[in-house]
Amino acid sequence: MTAKQVIRVTTRNLVPLAVAVGWAATTFAEPRRPNVVFILADDMGFSDLGCYGGEIETPNLDRLAANGLRFTQFYNTARCWPTRAALLTGFYAQQVRRDAMPGVAGGSQASIVRPPWSALLPELLKPAGYRSYHSGKWHIDGEPIKQGFDRAYVSQDHDRFFYPQRHTLDGHPLPPVEPGSNFYLTTWIAEHAIQCLREHARDYADRPFFQYVCFTAPHFPLQAISNDIAKYLDRYTNGWNAVQAARGQRLKELGIVRHEPPPMERELGPPYHFPDALEKLGPGEVNRPLPWTELTEEQRRFQAVKMAIHAAMVDRMDQEIGRIIEQLRAMGALENTMIWFASDNGASAEIMVRGDGHDPAAPPGSGRSFLCLGPGWSSAANTPFRRHKVWVHEGGIATPLIIHWPAGIAPNQRGTLRHTVSHVIDVVPTILDLAGVAWPAEWGGRPMPASPGRSLVRVLVGDGEPIHDALWFMHEGHRALRSGDWKIVASKGEPWELYNLAEDRGETRNLADQEPERLKAMVAKWEAMAEDIRQLANRDPVPASAPARPEAERRTGRASQRSEGEGASRK
């Protein structure tokens, strides 16, 4: 099944999205309230973008940054589904039962439905006249089309970029994409978003819109268009240590950080150990961030190609974002559209084989290969921070954030940095603030709690007083709390560490022994916040008839329930 065939799919009561080639852009009647486009990458490293110190070519996002704002201390939750829940509800994922927490029923929590009061952003925007559109990865309970979105393309297959087998359009199953079709998921996600925008300009030009674009790139499997890969094949032969050093230097020159990148933790492997995957991937794979000089020639070639594919995936995502921007410009909406760009967690150290398996004879990056970034390149992608997706050290939870909004960001502020500490829970309060929507007193027949998120509207003008007293983190037993410039963090089963992030955001100098009273007070704060979160999560019991989650999410959940594993070393 090709992309054009997907576009033409229709079912009863389903309005086709097909738009003839050469369709003329409708003049867009700009609304008083801003339009919003939120673009979310999947497993992208903090410094993968050019405007965040990376060597990957991302001219479209770089232009958004040059004419907008870049945030240097914006956080996610370290994992895909908790971040998406927090981003669309304005609550910590544990508060809405979308991540595991001791004392709250639900296992891995990737499957648990949210409380009835936890509305999603499109539902909250609808009374203000907004139409909402979703394109790409979902990974939240329920269906978008039943939770405020007017149109939705959902990819439920997280293992295939060239021929996904499970995806839906407006809640209706689409046929599997056939191998050999002219289909690439990143391109199709953008195409669906563009068609939603065209439809909006044609039929709803007098109303504002919220467009939620969730790319699956550069999440594993590393699969990319061959021409995109070719651009980067020679770029990473110098290895991950050299890339980390170069990115670290550029980040300091850009003023995004002041510290040096931390040393790679050579004994820390993937968060989950799949020894059979190492055998399938062959002797070129290595599950430790060993010094590049210690790798064999075969390993260096294999690893350099993996990073080239990762870069190609980010590059292609940027190209498709460029097409979305051009559509906004063509419909006269770019000036008053607030574009956000962020990643759902840090780059991933995972190494596994899923989907259709891995064919060693297939071209790397093709649909018959299944490669993962692994801890060496993940460490480089997360420069200048420590650790990876799943952990709540800075490498797992720090994300770039770009906000571009010509009508709302003063010309003298464009291209500047924002150092205010903020979090994905702040997205909903910010957008509601700009849309003039008050926080509801109740939802779903239940009193609606206050969001822990804070509006970033004043931060658009400049940095000032902190907007949060503290930010709380927990995922799979990893815990953290940030308060001001201080942070406590503990990996699963390990003692608390204490860092002064103003001087050491690379988390290399543990001050727990030097500052025992500060550590004690911050641990007490983490525990108090945890108890408040637990009480809210338990306030409205999970319905006995909670629906089962899709297969793709079930399999992700199985991996998440495995204990943290270091894996067997392979040199």
Protein backbone atom coordinates (compact mmCIF):
# COMPACT_ATOMS: atom_id res chain seq x y z
CA MET A 1 0.00 0.00 0.00
CA THR A 2 1.46 3.36 -1.02
CA ALA A 3 1.12 6.76 0.63
CA LYS A 4 -1.31 7.83 -2.11
CA GLN A 5 -3.42 4.75 -1.48
CA VAL A 6 -3.53 5.54 2.23
CA ILE A 7 -4.74 9.04 1.40
CA ARG A 8 -7.58 7.63 -0.70
CA VAL A 9 -8.87 5.25 1.97
CA THR A 10 -12.47 6.05 2.85
CA THR A 11 -15.04 4.37 5.06
CA ARG A 12 -18.67 5.13 5.81
CA ASN A 13 -19.13 8.58 7.38
CA LEU A 14 -15.42 9.30 6.80
CA VAL A 15 -14.56 12.51 4.95
CA PRO A 16 -11.66 11.80 2.58
CA LEU A 17 -8.47 13.81 3.08
CA ALA A 18 -7.46 13.45 -0.57
CA VAL A 19 -6.48 16.76 -2.11
CA ALA A 20 -5.75 17.06 -5.82
CA VAL A 21 -2.21 17.88 -6.86
CA GLY A 22 -1.95 21.58 -7.57
CA TRP A 23 -4.63 22.52 -5.01
CA ALA A 24 -4.62 26.29 -4.57
CA ALA A 25 -4.00 27.55 -1.03
CA THR A 26 -7.02 29.23 0.51
CA THR A 27 -6.48 32.68 1.99
CA PHE A 28 -6.48 32.16 5.73
CA ALA A 29 -8.51 34.43 8.02
CA GLU A 30 -6.15 34.83 10.96
CA PRO A 31 -7.86 34.23 14.31
CA ARG A 32 -7.44 36.48 17.31
CA ARG A 33 -6.23 33.55 19.39
CA PRO A 34 -3.06 31.83 18.18
CA ASN A 35 -3.02 28.61 16.27
CA VAL A 36 -0.76 25.99 17.82
CA VAL A 37 1.41 23.36 16.14
CA PHE A 38 3.20 21.07 18.57
CA ILE A 39 5.84 18.87 16.93
CA LEU A 40 7.25 16.01 19.00
CA ALA A 41 10.29 13.94 18.06
CA ASP A 42 10.78 10.44 19.44
CA ASP A 43 14.04 9.46 21.22
CA MET A 44 16.00 12.41 19.84
CA GLY A 45 19.16 13.50 21.67
CA PHE A 46 19.52 16.94 23.24
CA SER A 47 22.23 18.06 20.81
CA ASP A 48 21.07 16.37 17.60
CA LEU A 49 19.81 19.63 16.07
CA GLY A 50 22.20 22.11 14.48
CA CYS A 51 20.81 24.94 16.63
CA TYR A 52 21.65 22.86 19.72
CA GLY A 53 25.25 22.15 18.73
CA GLY A 54 24.77 19.13 16.48
CA GLU A 55 26.33 18.35 13.11
CA ILE A 56 23.10 16.94 11.61
CA GLU A 57 21.64 19.21 8.94
CA THR A 58 18.40 20.68 10.32
CA PRO A 59 17.97 24.02 8.48
CA ASN A 60 14.22 24.30 9.01
CA LEU A 61 14.35 23.86 12.77
CA ASP A 62 17.43 26.07 12.88
CA ARG A 63 15.44 28.85 11.17
CA LEU A 64 12.60 28.44 13.65
CA ALA A 65 15.14 28.81 16.46
CA ALA A 66 16.80 31.83 14.83
CA ASN A 67 13.42 33.57 14.64
CA GLY A 68 12.05 32.23 17.90
CA LEU A 69 13.25 31.04 21.30
CA ARG A 70 15.42 28.13 22.43
CA PHE A 71 14.93 26.77 25.94
CA THR A 72 17.99 25.33 27.67
CA GLN A 73 16.36 23.75 30.75
CA PHE A 74 13.12 22.19 29.54
CA TYR A 75 12.27 18.69 30.76
CA ASN A 76 10.28 15.65 29.73
CA THR A 77 9.60 12.47 31.77
CA ALA A 78 12.35 10.15 30.36
CA ARG A 79 9.90 7.92 28.45
CA CYS A 80 7.47 8.14 25.56
CA TRP A 81 4.02 7.45 27.01
CA PRO A 82 4.46 9.36 30.31
CA THR A 83 5.70 12.41 28.41
CA ARG A 84 2.73 12.35 26.05
CA ALA A 85 0.30 12.06 28.95
CA ALA A 86 1.93 14.96 30.81
CA LEU A 87 2.11 17.08 27.66
CA LEU A 88 -1.58 16.74 26.79
CA THR A 89 -3.05 16.83 30.32
CA GLY A 90 -0.85 19.27 32.26
CA PHE A 91 -0.31 16.71 35.04
CA TYR A 92 2.56 14.47 36.05
CA ALA A 93 2.06 11.13 34.33
CA GLN A 94 1.71 9.34 37.69
CA GLN A 95 -1.09 11.70 38.71
CA VAL A 96 -3.15 10.53 35.75
CA ARG A 97 -2.04 6.88 36.17
CA ARG A 98 0.05 6.81 33.02
CA ASP A 99 3.28 5.68 34.68
CA ALA A 100 3.97 3.16 37.42
CA MET A 101 4.15 4.23 41.04
CA PRO A 102 4.30 2.17 44.25
CA GLY A 103 0.94 2.19 46.00
CA VAL A 104 -1.04 2.74 42.80
CA ALA A 105 -2.58 -0.24 41.04
CA GLY A 106 -1.84 -0.90 37.41
CA GLY A 107 1.42 -2.71 36.64
CA SER A 108 3.52 -0.92 34.06
CA GLN A 109 0.79 1.74 33.76
CA ALA A 110 1.25 2.02 30.02
CA SER A 111 -2.18 0.38 29.83
CA ILE A 112 -4.16 2.19 32.51
CA VAL A 113 -6.89 4.62 31.56
CA ARG A 114 -6.72 8.11 32.97
CA PRO A 115 -9.12 9.35 35.65
CA PRO A 116 -12.35 10.82 34.27
CA TRP A 117 -11.26 14.35 35.21
CA SER A 118 -8.01 14.26 33.19
CA ALA A 119 -9.12 15.91 29.96
CA LEU A 120 -6.77 16.22 27.02
CA LEU A 121 -5.81 19.61 25.61
CA PRO A 122 -8.04 19.39 22.49
CA GLU A 123 -11.07 18.77 24.71
CA LEU A 124 -10.22 21.85 26.76
CA LEU A 125 -9.72 23.97 23.63
CA LYS A 126 -12.92 22.93 21.88
CA PRO A 127 -15.25 25.35 23.75
CA ALA A 128 -12.97 28.18 22.58
CA GLY A 129 -13.64 27.22 18.96
CA TYR A 130 -10.43 25.33 18.24
CA ARG A 131 -10.33 22.43 15.84
CA SER A 132 -7.66 19.84 16.62
CA TYR A 133 -5.69 17.41 14.47
CA HIS A 134 -3.34 14.56 15.34
CA SER A 135 -0.73 12.99 13.08
CA GLY A 136 1.60 10.13 14.09
CA LYS A 137 2.39 8.29 17.30
CA TRP A 138 -0.29 8.33 19.99
CA HIS A 139 0.73 6.15 22.98
CA ILE A 140 -2.02 7.45 25.25
CA ASP A 141 -5.07 5.50 26.44
CA GLY A 142 -8.16 5.77 24.27
CA GLU A 143 -8.41 7.12 20.74
CA PRO A 144 -7.64 10.72 19.75
CA ILE A 145 -10.79 11.00 17.65
CA LYS A 146 -12.88 10.38 20.79
CA GLN A 147 -10.91 12.82 22.93
CA GLY A 148 -11.23 16.16 21.22
CA PHE A 149 -9.34 15.61 17.97
CA ASP A 150 -11.37 16.24 14.81
CA ARG A 151 -9.05 14.29 12.52
CA ALA A 152 -6.35 11.74 13.41
CA TYR A 153 -3.85 9.51 11.69
CA VAL A 154 -2.42 7.12 14.30
CA SER A 155 0.59 4.87 13.77
CA GLN A 156 0.26 1.92 16.14
CA ASP A 157 3.26 0.11 14.64
CA HIS A 158 6.47 1.31 16.28
CA ASP A 159 8.65 -1.28 14.54
CA ARG A 160 8.36 -0.36 10.87
CA PHE A 161 9.04 2.88 9.00
CA PHE A 162 8.63 1.56 5.45
CA TYR A 163 5.60 -0.73 5.78
CA PRO A 164 3.62 -0.28 9.00
CA GLN A 165 1.06 -3.00 9.61
CA ARG A 166 -1.19 -1.28 12.16
CA HIS A 167 -2.40 2.27 11.68
CA THR A 168 -5.73 4.07 11.66
CA LEU A 169 -7.35 7.10 10.05
CA ASP A 170 -10.00 8.85 12.13
CA GLY A 171 -10.40 5.71 14.23
CA HIS A 172 -10.81 3.37 11.25
CA PRO A 173 -8.18 0.69 10.52
CA LEU A 174 -6.10 1.21 7.40
CA PRO A 175 -4.75 -1.66 5.28
CA PRO A 176 -1.16 -2.70 6.03
CA VAL A 177 1.42 -1.03 3.83
CA GLU A 178 2.93 -3.57 1.50
CA PRO A 179 6.72 -4.08 1.37
CA GLY A 180 8.17 -2.33 -1.64
CA SER A 181 5.58 0.47 -1.55
CA ASN A 182 6.69 4.06 -1.94
CA PHE A 183 5.95 4.81 1.72
CA TYR A 184 8.05 6.25 4.53
CA LEU A 185 6.32 6.94 7.82
CA THR A 186 8.00 10.28 8.61
CA THR A 187 6.90 11.65 5.24
CA TRP A 188 3.37 10.34 5.61
CA ILE A 189 2.95 11.80 9.12
CA ALA A 190 3.84 15.21 7.72
CA GLU A 191 1.61 14.65 4.67
CA HIS A 192 -1.37 13.93 6.88
CA ALA A 193 -0.67 17.05 8.95
CA ILE A 194 -0.44 19.14 5.78
CA GLN A 195 -3.73 17.77 4.48
CA CYS A 196 -5.43 18.59 7.79
CA LEU A 197 -4.13 22.14 7.51
CA ARG A 198 -5.34 22.41 3.92
CA GLU A 199 -8.76 21.16 4.93
CA HIS A 200 -8.83 23.64 7.80
CA ALA A 201 -7.94 26.55 5.52
CA ARG A 202 -10.62 25.49 3.06
CA ASP A 203 -13.48 24.79 5.46
CA TYR A 204 -12.72 26.40 8.83
CA ALA A 205 -10.65 29.49 8.07
CA ASP A 206 -12.51 31.49 10.70
CA ARG A 207 -11.44 29.17 13.54
CA PRO A 208 -8.10 28.61 15.29
CA PHE A 209 -6.49 25.16 15.25
CA PHE A 210 -4.27 22.87 17.31
CA GLN A 211 -2.11 20.52 15.24
CA TYR A 212 -0.27 17.77 17.17
CA VAL A 213 2.46 16.20 15.00
CA CYS A 214 4.15 13.19 16.60
CA PHE A 215 6.98 11.80 14.50
CA THR A 216 8.29 8.34 15.34
CA ALA A 217 11.78 9.41 14.22
CA PRO A 218 14.50 8.83 15.27
CA HIS A 219 13.17 6.02 17.53
CA PHE A 220 14.45 2.55 16.68
CA PRO A 221 14.48 0.70 14.36
CA LEU A 222 17.05 2.82 12.55
CA GLN A 223 15.42 2.90 9.12
CA ALA A 224 15.84 5.74 6.65
CA ILE A 225 15.63 6.64 2.98
CA SER A 226 18.83 5.54 1.23
CA ASN A 227 19.62 8.97 -0.26
CA ASP A 228 19.35 10.54 3.19
CA ILE A 229 21.71 7.93 4.64
CA ALA A 230 24.27 8.48 1.88
CA LYS A 231 24.72 12.09 2.96
CA TYR A 232 26.09 10.97 6.34
CA LEU A 233 27.99 7.76 5.60
CA ASP A 234 31.42 9.37 6.02
CA ARG A 235 30.47 11.79 8.78
CA TYR A 236 30.80 9.53 11.82
CA THR A 237 33.90 7.48 11.11
CA ASN A 238 35.78 9.53 13.72
CA GLY A 239 33.60 8.00 16.43
CA TRP A 240 31.38 8.95 19.31
CA ASN A 241 34.11 10.43 21.51
CA ALA A 242 35.04 12.98 18.84
CA VAL A 243 31.39 13.82 18.16
CA GLN A 244 30.72 14.33 21.87
CA ALA A 245 33.71 16.66 22.22
CA ALA A 246 32.77 18.74 19.16
CA ARG A 247 29.14 19.07 20.22
CA GLY A 248 30.17 19.99 23.75
CA GLN A 249 32.34 22.81 22.46
CA ARG A 250 29.62 24.18 20.20
CA LEU A 251 27.06 24.06 23.01
CA LYS A 252 29.30 26.24 25.14
CA GLU A 253 29.89 28.65 22.26
CA LEU A 254 26.14 28.92 21.77
CA GLY A 255 25.67 29.75 25.47
CA ILE A 256 23.33 26.80 26.00
CA VAL A 257 25.53 25.27 28.74
CA ARG A 258 28.73 26.16 30.56
CA HIS A 259 30.09 22.74 31.53
CA GLU A 260 32.14 20.12 29.72
CA PRO A 261 30.43 16.87 28.64
CA PRO A 262 30.74 14.14 31.27
CA PRO A 263 32.91 11.09 30.58
CA MET A 264 30.99 8.25 28.97
CA GLU A 265 30.12 5.55 31.51
CA ARG A 266 31.85 2.62 29.86
CA GLU A 267 30.29 0.01 32.14
CA LEU A 268 26.70 1.22 31.72
CA GLY A 269 24.90 -0.65 28.97
CA PRO A 270 21.34 -0.66 27.67
CA PRO A 271 18.51 -0.41 30.21
CA TYR A 272 17.21 -3.85 29.17
CA HIS A 273 19.36 -6.82 28.25
CA PHE A 274 18.46 -8.92 25.20
CA PRO A 275 21.41 -11.27 24.62
CA ASP A 276 19.69 -12.89 21.65
CA ALA A 277 19.60 -9.51 19.92
CA LEU A 278 23.38 -9.19 20.22
CA GLU A 279 23.79 -12.54 18.50
CA LYS A 280 21.41 -11.59 15.69
CA LEU A 281 23.16 -8.26 15.12
CA GLY A 282 26.57 -9.87 14.83
CA PRO A 283 30.13 -8.98 15.87
CA GLY A 284 29.84 -5.34 14.77
CA GLU A 285 27.43 -4.54 17.60
CA VAL A 286 28.76 -3.41 20.98
CA ASN A 287 26.61 -2.71 24.04
CA ARG A 288 29.00 -0.43 25.91
CA PRO A 289 30.22 3.12 25.16
CA LEU A 290 33.83 1.94 25.02
CA PRO A 291 36.51 4.35 23.77
CA TRP A 292 36.33 4.40 19.98
CA THR A 293 39.98 3.37 19.77
CA GLU A 294 39.21 0.13 21.61
CA LEU A 295 36.71 -1.06 19.01
CA THR A 296 37.66 -3.40 16.23
CA GLU A 297 37.66 -2.08 12.67
CA GLU A 298 34.48 -4.07 12.00
CA GLN A 299 32.78 -2.53 15.02
CA ARG A 300 33.83 0.99 14.02
CA ARG A 301 32.37 0.54 10.52
CA PHE A 302 29.13 -0.94 11.89
CA GLN A 303 28.70 1.79 14.50
CA ALA A 304 29.47 4.66 12.11
CA VAL A 305 26.75 3.45 9.76
CA LYS A 306 24.23 3.29 12.62
CA MET A 307 24.81 6.93 13.49
CA ALA A 308 24.57 7.87 9.82
CA ILE A 309 21.09 6.31 9.73
CA HIS A 310 20.09 8.12 12.93
CA ALA A 311 21.26 11.40 11.42
CA ALA A 312 19.35 10.66 8.21
CA MET A 313 16.17 10.11 10.23
CA VAL A 314 16.56 13.47 11.98
CA ASP A 315 17.44 15.15 8.67
CA ARG A 316 14.32 13.73 6.99
CA MET A 317 12.15 14.81 9.92
CA ASP A 318 13.50 18.34 9.49
CA GLN A 319 12.76 18.25 5.76
CA GLU A 320 9.16 17.25 6.46
CA ILE A 321 8.83 19.95 9.11
CA GLY A 322 9.90 22.36 6.39
CA ARG A 323 6.92 21.22 4.30
CA ILE A 324 4.55 21.84 7.23
CA ILE A 325 6.00 25.33 7.67
CA GLU A 326 5.50 26.07 3.97
CA GLN A 327 1.87 24.99 4.24
CA LEU A 328 1.35 27.37 7.15
CA ARG A 329 2.93 30.13 5.08
CA ALA A 330 0.81 29.31 2.02
CA MET A 331 -2.42 29.55 4.01
CA GLY A 332 -1.39 32.83 5.64
CA ALA A 333 -1.25 31.31 9.10
CA LEU A 334 2.47 31.32 9.93
CA GLU A 335 2.49 34.73 11.62
CA ASN A 336 -0.06 33.79 14.27
CA THR A 337 0.84 30.11 14.70
CA MET A 338 2.81 29.14 17.79
CA ILE A 339 5.09 26.29 16.72
CA TRP A 340 6.64 24.15 19.44
CA PHE A 341 9.31 21.51 18.89
CA ALA A 342 10.59 19.07 21.55
CA SER A 343 11.56 15.41 22.11
CA ASP A 344 9.67 12.94 24.31
CA ASN A 345 12.87 11.75 26.04
CA GLY A 346 16.61 11.59 25.51
CA ALA A 347 18.32 9.37 22.97
CA SER A 348 18.03 5.65 23.66
CA ALA A 349 20.77 3.20 24.66
CA GLU A 350 18.46 0.25 23.95
CA ILE A 351 19.58 -2.65 21.74
CA MET A 352 16.89 -5.10 20.66
CA VAL A 353 15.37 -6.77 17.61
CA ARG A 354 11.60 -6.66 17.08
CA GLY A 355 9.16 -6.31 14.22
CA ASP A 356 10.19 -8.40 11.22
CA GLY A 357 13.58 -9.22 12.69
CA HIS A 358 17.02 -8.31 11.40
CA ASP A 359 18.46 -9.56 8.13
CA PRO A 360 22.27 -9.10 8.25
CA ALA A 361 22.37 -9.25 4.45
CA ALA A 362 19.90 -6.38 4.04
CA PRO A 363 21.20 -2.84 3.47
CA PRO A 364 21.55 -1.14 6.88
CA GLY A 365 18.63 1.21 7.42
CA SER A 366 16.30 -0.66 5.07
CA GLY A 367 12.98 -2.18 6.13
CA ARG A 368 14.53 -5.63 6.53
CA SER A 369 17.13 -4.41 9.03
CA PHE A 370 16.49 -3.68 12.69
CA LEU A 371 19.23 -1.58 14.29
CA CYS A 372 19.26 0.52 17.47
CA LEU A 373 21.47 3.46 18.42
CA GLY A 374 23.01 1.83 21.51
CA PRO A 375 24.85 3.43 24.46
CA GLY A 376 27.85 4.81 22.58
CA TRP A 377 25.97 6.97 20.13
CA SER A 378 23.21 7.67 22.64
CA SER A 379 25.83 9.20 24.92
CA ALA A 380 27.00 11.39 22.03
CA ALA A 381 23.45 12.33 21.02
CA ASN A 382 22.66 13.36 24.61
CA THR A 383 25.75 15.59 24.83
CA PRO A 384 26.41 17.41 27.15
CA PHE A 385 24.50 15.29 29.65
CA ARG A 386 24.81 11.95 31.39
CA ARG A 387 22.81 8.77 30.69
CA HIS A 388 19.89 8.06 28.43
CA LYS A 389 16.18 7.53 27.91
CA VAL A 390 14.59 5.69 30.89
CA TRP A 391 17.05 7.21 33.42
CA VAL A 392 16.17 10.54 35.07
CA HIS A 393 19.69 11.90 34.96
CA GLU A 394 19.83 14.89 32.63
CA GLY A 395 20.49 12.77 29.54
CA GLY A 396 17.14 11.04 29.95
CA ILE A 397 14.94 14.05 30.76
CA ALA A 398 16.48 17.14 29.12
CA THR A 399 15.01 18.08 25.75
CA PRO A 400 15.55 20.91 23.33
CA LEU A 401 12.52 23.18 23.09
CA ILE A 402 11.99 25.64 20.27
CA ILE A 403 9.05 28.07 20.28
CA HIS A 404 8.40 30.12 17.13
CA TRP A 405 5.54 32.64 17.06
CA PRO A 406 6.10 35.84 15.06
CA ALA A 407 2.92 37.48 16.34
CA GLY A 408 3.79 36.81 19.97
CA ILE A 409 7.59 37.07 20.24
CA ALA A 410 9.03 40.56 20.00
CA PRO A 411 11.60 41.08 17.21
CA ASN A 412 14.34 41.93 19.70
CA GLN A 413 13.77 38.62 21.49
CA ARG A 414 13.94 36.37 18.45
CA GLY A 415 16.95 34.10 18.37
CA THR A 416 17.53 34.36 22.11
CA LEU A 417 17.78 31.69 24.80
CA ARG A 418 15.50 30.99 27.74
CA HIS A 419 17.09 29.43 30.82
CA THR A 420 13.88 29.22 32.91
CA VAL A 421 13.45 25.70 34.29
CA SER A 422 10.26 24.25 32.83
CA HIS A 423 8.57 20.96 31.97
CA VAL A 424 6.07 19.36 29.58
CA ILE A 425 3.38 19.81 32.28
CA ASP A 426 3.62 23.53 31.41
CA VAL A 427 2.39 23.08 27.83
CA VAL A 428 -1.34 22.85 28.59
CA PRO A 429 -1.41 25.85 31.00
CA THR A 430 0.52 27.94 28.48
CA ILE A 431 -1.74 27.18 25.53
CA LEU A 432 -4.92 27.63 27.58
CA ASP A 433 -3.56 30.95 28.83
CA LEU A 434 -3.01 32.19 25.28
CA ALA A 435 -6.36 30.84 24.11
CA GLY A 436 -8.18 32.61 26.94
CA VAL A 437 -9.53 29.35 28.36
CA ALA A 438 -10.02 29.11 32.12
CA TRP A 439 -9.07 25.92 33.95
CA PRO A 440 -12.31 23.92 34.44
CA ALA A 441 -13.69 23.42 37.92
CA GLU A 442 -14.81 19.92 36.98
CA TRP A 443 -14.58 17.43 34.14
CA GLY A 444 -16.18 14.07 33.56
CA GLY A 445 -18.46 14.58 36.51
CA ARG A 446 -15.54 14.92 38.92
CA PRO A 447 -13.84 17.96 40.48
CA MET A 448 -10.80 18.81 38.37
CA PRO A 449 -7.60 19.31 40.38
CA ALA A 450 -5.29 22.22 39.70
CA SER A 451 -2.52 21.47 37.25
CA PRO A 452 1.05 21.40 38.63
CA GLY A 453 2.08 23.04 35.36
CA ARG A 454 2.66 26.78 34.98
CA SER A 455 2.09 29.09 32.05
CA LEU A 456 5.20 30.06 30.10
CA VAL A 457 3.60 33.19 28.66
CA ARG A 458 5.72 35.57 30.71
CA VAL A 459 8.83 33.60 29.80
CA LEU A 460 8.21 34.51 26.16
CA VAL A 461 9.17 38.04 27.16
CA GLY A 462 12.27 37.03 29.10
CA ASP A 463 13.68 35.00 31.97
CA GLY A 464 12.71 36.07 35.45
CA GLU A 465 11.71 34.50 38.72
CA PRO A 466 11.39 30.69 38.67
CA ILE A 467 7.97 29.40 37.72
CA HIS A 468 8.37 26.15 39.72
CA ASP A 469 9.41 25.59 43.31
CA ALA A 470 10.38 22.03 42.38
CA LEU A 471 10.00 19.51 39.56
CA TRP A 472 9.46 15.85 40.40
CA PHE A 473 10.60 12.83 38.39
CA MET A 474 10.12 9.07 38.62
CA HIS A 475 10.31 6.28 36.06
CA GLU A 476 10.94 2.56 36.59
CA GLY A 477 12.41 3.16 40.03
CA HIS A 478 14.69 6.01 38.89
CA ARG A 479 13.93 9.15 40.90
CA ALA A 480 14.85 12.84 40.80
CA LEU A 481 13.85 16.26 42.09
CA ARG A 482 15.02 19.60 40.78
CA SER A 483 14.62 22.69 42.96
CA GLY A 484 16.32 25.86 41.82
CA ASP A 485 19.84 24.98 40.72
CA TRP A 486 19.95 21.85 42.88
CA LYS A 487 19.02 18.34 41.88
CA ILE A 488 18.84 15.00 43.64
CA VAL A 489 18.81 11.87 41.50
CA ALA A 490 18.96 8.13 42.19
CA SER A 491 19.02 5.24 39.78
CA LYS A 492 16.88 2.25 40.66
CA GLY A 493 18.16 0.58 43.84
CA GLU A 494 20.98 3.10 44.28
CA PRO A 495 21.46 5.91 46.85
CA TRP A 496 20.56 9.52 46.24
CA GLU A 497 23.10 11.77 44.54
CA LEU A 498 23.17 15.58 44.84
CA TYR A 499 24.31 18.04 42.16
CA ASN A 500 24.57 21.80 41.77
CA LEU A 501 23.38 22.13 38.19
CA ALA A 502 24.44 25.75 37.93
CA GLU A 503 28.03 24.53 37.97
CA ASP A 504 27.73 20.85 37.07
CA ARG A 505 24.79 20.01 34.85
CA GLY A 506 26.81 17.06 33.59
CA GLU A 507 26.24 15.47 37.03
CA THR A 508 29.86 14.49 37.63
CA ARG A 509 30.49 15.89 41.15
CA ASN A 510 28.19 14.24 43.68
CA LEU A 511 27.84 16.60 46.68
CA ALA A 512 25.72 14.28 48.84
CA ASP A 513 28.46 13.88 51.46
CA GLN A 514 29.34 17.59 51.52
CA GLU A 515 25.72 18.81 51.78
CA PRO A 516 23.88 16.24 53.95
CA GLU A 517 21.26 18.67 55.26
CA ARG A 518 20.38 19.93 51.79
CA LEU A 519 20.15 16.34 50.59
CA LYS A 520 17.89 15.38 53.49
CA ALA A 521 15.55 18.31 52.87
CA MET A 522 15.30 17.59 49.15
CA VAL A 523 14.62 13.88 49.71
CA ALA A 524 11.84 14.85 52.12
CA LYS A 525 10.44 17.17 49.46
CA TRP A 526 10.53 14.37 46.87
CA GLU A 527 8.72 12.03 49.25
CA ALA A 528 6.08 14.64 50.13
CA MET A 529 5.39 15.33 46.46
CA ALA A 530 5.28 11.59 45.78
CA GLU A 531 2.63 11.12 48.47
CA ASP A 532 0.51 13.97 47.03
CA ILE A 533 0.82 12.44 43.57
CA ARG A 534 -0.11 8.98 44.91
CA GLN A 535 -3.21 10.32 46.64
CA LEU A 536 -4.45 12.02 43.51
CA ALA A 537 -3.78 8.92 41.39
CA ASN A 538 -5.87 6.84 43.82
CA ARG A 539 -8.69 9.36 44.19
CA ASP A 540 -10.86 7.92 41.43
CA PRO A 541 -10.48 4.12 41.11
CA VAL A 542 -9.66 2.54 37.77
CA PRO A 543 -12.89 1.35 36.10
CA ALA A 544 -13.25 -2.43 36.08
CA SER A 545 -14.11 -2.24 32.38
CA ALA A 546 -10.91 -0.40 31.38
CA PRO A 547 -10.23 -1.20 27.70
CA ALA A 548 -7.17 -3.19 26.65
CA ARG A 549 -4.40 -1.24 25.00
CA PRO A 550 -3.22 -1.81 21.44
CA GLU A 551 -0.72 -4.56 20.69
CA ALA A 552 2.10 -2.11 19.98
CA GLU A 553 1.70 -0.58 23.42
CA ARG A 554 1.41 -4.00 25.09
CA ARG A 555 4.78 -5.00 23.71
CA THR A 556 6.36 -1.74 24.81
CA GLY A 557 4.91 -2.35 28.26
CA ARG A 558 6.48 -5.80 28.45
CA ALA A 559 9.90 -4.32 27.86
CA SER A 560 9.27 -1.62 30.44
CA GLN A 561 8.51 -4.18 33.14
CA ARG A 562 11.93 -5.77 32.86
CA SER A 563 14.34 -4.77 35.56
CA GLU A 564 17.24 -2.55 34.65
CA GLY A 565 19.94 -4.71 33.10
CA GLU A 566 23.54 -4.04 32.34
CA GLY A 567 23.99 -6.84 29.81
CA ALA A 568 27.00 -8.90 28.90
CA SER A 569 29.98 -6.93 27.71
CA ARG A 570 30.99 -7.31 24.09
CA LYS A 571 34.19 -5.70 22.93
